[in-house]
Amino acid sequence: MNKKFVNVETAYAPQVLSFEDATRFLKAKIEIGIVPIDKVYILFGYRHISFNKVYQSIGYLGAGIVF
């Protein structure tokens, strides 16, 4: 049976903790995936990074091997 997983990460920094002229920093990521066989995973994810403006907002597909 395939195992499924969800990974969610967020990071936020207000102006007082941001570098240089940034008024804030925001990073958010969500990944949804399956483990079809032991130590192998396939995932689909979405990542959003912004500071003063949107720096990156993109979906991605990935795979990995754990050893």
N, C-alpha and C. Protein backbone atom coordinates (compact mmCIF):
# COMPACT_ATOMS: atom_id res chain seq x y z
N MET A 1 0.84 -1.19 0.00
CA MET A 1 0.00 0.00 0.00
C MET A 1 0.89 1.25 0.00
N ASN A 2 0.56 2.21 -0.84
CA ASN A 2 1.33 3.46 -0.93
C ASN A 2 1.06 4.35 0.28
N LYS A 3 2.13 4.86 0.86
CA LYS A 3 2.00 5.83 1.94
C LYS A 3 1.89 7.22 1.31
N LYS A 4 1.13 8.09 1.95
CA LYS A 4 0.96 9.47 1.48
C LYS A 4 1.48 10.41 2.56
N PHE A 5 1.94 11.60 2.14
CA PHE A 5 2.42 12.56 3.13
C PHE A 5 2.11 13.98 2.67
N VAL A 6 2.05 14.88 3.65
CA VAL A 6 1.88 16.32 3.42
C VAL A 6 2.92 17.03 4.28
N ASN A 7 3.63 17.97 3.68
CA ASN A 7 4.64 18.75 4.38
C ASN A 7 4.31 20.23 4.19
N VAL A 8 4.19 20.98 5.28
CA VAL A 8 3.89 22.40 5.22
C VAL A 8 4.95 23.15 6.02
N GLU A 9 5.52 24.20 5.42
CA GLU A 9 6.52 25.03 6.10
C GLU A 9 6.19 26.50 5.87
N THR A 10 6.37 27.32 6.90
CA THR A 10 6.19 28.76 6.76
C THR A 10 7.28 29.48 7.56
N ALA A 11 7.63 30.66 7.07
CA ALA A 11 8.57 31.52 7.80
C ALA A 11 8.15 32.96 7.54
N TYR A 12 8.20 33.78 8.58
CA TYR A 12 7.80 35.18 8.47
C TYR A 12 8.76 36.03 9.31
N ALA A 13 9.14 37.17 8.77
CA ALA A 13 9.95 38.12 9.53
C ALA A 13 9.39 39.52 9.31
N PRO A 14 9.03 40.23 10.37
CA PRO A 14 8.58 41.62 10.23
C PRO A 14 9.76 42.52 9.86
N GLN A 15 9.49 43.76 9.61
CA GLN A 15 10.52 44.70 9.17
C GLN A 15 11.72 44.76 10.12
N VAL A 16 11.46 44.74 11.39
CA VAL A 16 12.55 44.86 12.37
C VAL A 16 13.55 43.71 12.26
N LEU A 17 13.14 42.56 11.76
CA LEU A 17 14.02 41.41 11.63
C LEU A 17 14.46 41.15 10.19
N SER A 18 13.99 41.97 9.23
CA SER A 18 14.31 41.78 7.82
C SER A 18 15.59 42.53 7.46
N PHE A 19 16.26 42.08 6.43
CA PHE A 19 17.51 42.69 5.99
C PHE A 19 17.28 43.90 5.10
N GLU A 20 18.18 44.84 5.16
CA GLU A 20 18.25 46.03 4.32
C GLU A 20 16.90 46.75 4.22
N ASP A 21 16.38 46.96 3.00
CA ASP A 21 15.16 47.75 2.81
C ASP A 21 13.88 46.92 2.81
N ALA A 22 13.95 45.66 3.13
CA ALA A 22 12.76 44.82 3.13
C ALA A 22 11.81 45.24 4.26
N THR A 23 10.53 45.35 3.95
CA THR A 23 9.55 45.68 4.98
C THR A 23 9.05 44.43 5.69
N ARG A 24 9.18 43.28 5.03
CA ARG A 24 8.82 42.01 5.65
C ARG A 24 9.37 40.89 4.76
N PHE A 25 9.42 39.70 5.30
CA PHE A 25 9.84 38.52 4.55
C PHE A 25 8.82 37.42 4.81
N LEU A 26 8.39 36.73 3.76
CA LEU A 26 7.44 35.63 3.90
C LEU A 26 7.86 34.50 2.99
N LYS A 27 7.90 33.30 3.56
CA LYS A 27 8.19 32.09 2.78
C LYS A 27 7.17 31.04 3.19
N ALA A 28 6.50 30.44 2.22
CA ALA A 28 5.53 29.39 2.50
C ALA A 28 5.72 28.27 1.49
N LYS A 29 5.59 27.02 1.96
CA LYS A 29 5.77 25.87 1.08
C LYS A 29 4.82 24.77 1.51
N ILE A 30 4.22 24.09 0.54
CA ILE A 30 3.40 22.91 0.80
C ILE A 30 3.79 21.84 -0.20
N GLU A 31 3.94 20.62 0.29
CA GLU A 31 4.26 19.47 -0.56
C GLU A 31 3.30 18.34 -0.24
N ILE A 32 2.85 17.67 -1.29
CA ILE A 32 1.97 16.51 -1.16
C ILE A 32 2.63 15.40 -1.97
N GLY A 33 2.75 14.22 -1.38
CA GLY A 33 3.44 13.16 -2.09
C GLY A 33 3.04 11.77 -1.68
N ILE A 34 3.64 10.81 -2.37
CA ILE A 34 3.42 9.40 -2.09
C ILE A 34 4.78 8.69 -2.00
N VAL A 35 4.77 7.56 -1.30
CA VAL A 35 5.93 6.69 -1.22
C VAL A 35 5.52 5.37 -1.87
N PRO A 36 5.77 5.20 -3.18
CA PRO A 36 5.29 4.01 -3.88
C PRO A 36 6.01 2.73 -3.46
N ILE A 37 7.30 2.84 -3.15
CA ILE A 37 8.07 1.71 -2.60
C ILE A 37 8.98 2.26 -1.52
N ASP A 38 9.47 1.39 -0.65
CA ASP A 38 10.34 1.83 0.45
C ASP A 38 11.48 2.69 -0.04
N LYS A 39 11.71 3.80 0.64
CA LYS A 39 12.83 4.72 0.42
C LYS A 39 12.78 5.50 -0.88
N VAL A 40 11.65 5.53 -1.57
CA VAL A 40 11.46 6.31 -2.80
C VAL A 40 10.20 7.15 -2.62
N TYR A 41 10.28 8.45 -2.96
CA TYR A 41 9.09 9.29 -2.86
C TYR A 41 8.94 10.16 -4.10
N ILE A 42 7.69 10.50 -4.40
CA ILE A 42 7.33 11.39 -5.50
C ILE A 42 6.44 12.47 -4.90
N LEU A 43 6.69 13.74 -5.26
CA LEU A 43 5.89 14.80 -4.64
C LEU A 43 5.56 15.91 -5.64
N PHE A 44 4.51 16.63 -5.31
CA PHE A 44 4.13 17.86 -6.00
C PHE A 44 4.12 18.93 -4.94
N GLY A 45 4.70 20.09 -5.25
CA GLY A 45 4.77 21.14 -4.25
C GLY A 45 4.50 22.52 -4.83
N TYR A 46 4.30 23.46 -3.93
CA TYR A 46 4.11 24.86 -4.29
C TYR A 46 4.91 25.69 -3.30
N ARG A 47 5.67 26.69 -3.82
CA ARG A 47 6.49 27.53 -2.96
C ARG A 47 6.22 29.00 -3.29
N HIS A 48 6.13 29.82 -2.24
CA HIS A 48 5.92 31.26 -2.39
C HIS A 48 6.93 31.98 -1.50
N ILE A 49 7.72 32.87 -2.10
CA ILE A 49 8.69 33.67 -1.36
C ILE A 49 8.47 35.13 -1.74
N SER A 50 8.37 36.00 -0.73
CA SER A 50 8.20 37.43 -1.03
C SER A 50 8.89 38.29 0.02
N PHE A 51 9.40 39.42 -0.44
CA PHE A 51 9.89 40.48 0.41
C PHE A 51 9.77 41.77 -0.39
N ASN A 52 8.88 42.65 0.08
CA ASN A 52 8.48 43.88 -0.61
C ASN A 52 7.71 43.60 -1.90
N LYS A 53 7.99 42.53 -2.58
CA LYS A 53 7.26 42.08 -3.77
C LYS A 53 7.42 40.57 -3.84
N VAL A 54 6.64 39.94 -4.72
CA VAL A 54 6.73 38.49 -4.87
C VAL A 54 8.04 38.16 -5.60
N TYR A 55 8.88 37.40 -4.94
CA TYR A 55 10.16 37.01 -5.52
C TYR A 55 10.01 35.73 -6.32
N GLN A 56 9.30 34.75 -5.75
CA GLN A 56 9.08 33.49 -6.44
C GLN A 56 7.76 32.90 -5.98
N SER A 57 6.97 32.43 -6.93
CA SER A 57 5.71 31.76 -6.65
C SER A 57 5.55 30.70 -7.72
N ILE A 58 5.81 29.43 -7.37
CA ILE A 58 5.93 28.40 -8.39
C ILE A 58 5.53 27.02 -7.86
N GLY A 59 4.97 26.21 -8.75
CA GLY A 59 4.69 24.82 -8.45
C GLY A 59 5.84 23.97 -8.97
N TYR A 60 6.03 22.80 -8.38
CA TYR A 60 7.11 21.92 -8.84
C TYR A 60 6.76 20.46 -8.59
N LEU A 61 7.45 19.59 -9.32
CA LEU A 61 7.30 18.15 -9.23
C LEU A 61 8.67 17.59 -8.87
N GLY A 62 8.74 16.67 -7.94
CA GLY A 62 10.03 16.14 -7.53
C GLY A 62 9.97 14.68 -7.18
N ALA A 63 11.13 14.07 -7.07
CA ALA A 63 11.26 12.67 -6.67
C ALA A 63 12.55 12.55 -5.88
N GLY A 64 12.62 11.54 -5.03
CA GLY A 64 13.82 11.36 -4.23
C GLY A 64 14.00 9.95 -3.75
N ILE A 65 15.21 9.67 -3.35
CA ILE A 65 15.56 8.38 -2.77
C ILE A 65 16.19 8.64 -1.41
N VAL A 66 15.74 7.93 -0.42
CA VAL A 66 16.27 8.06 0.94
C VAL A 66 17.21 6.87 1.18
N PHE A 67 18.45 7.18 1.55
CA PHE A 67 19.38 6.07 1.86
C PHE A 67 20.25 6.41 3.02
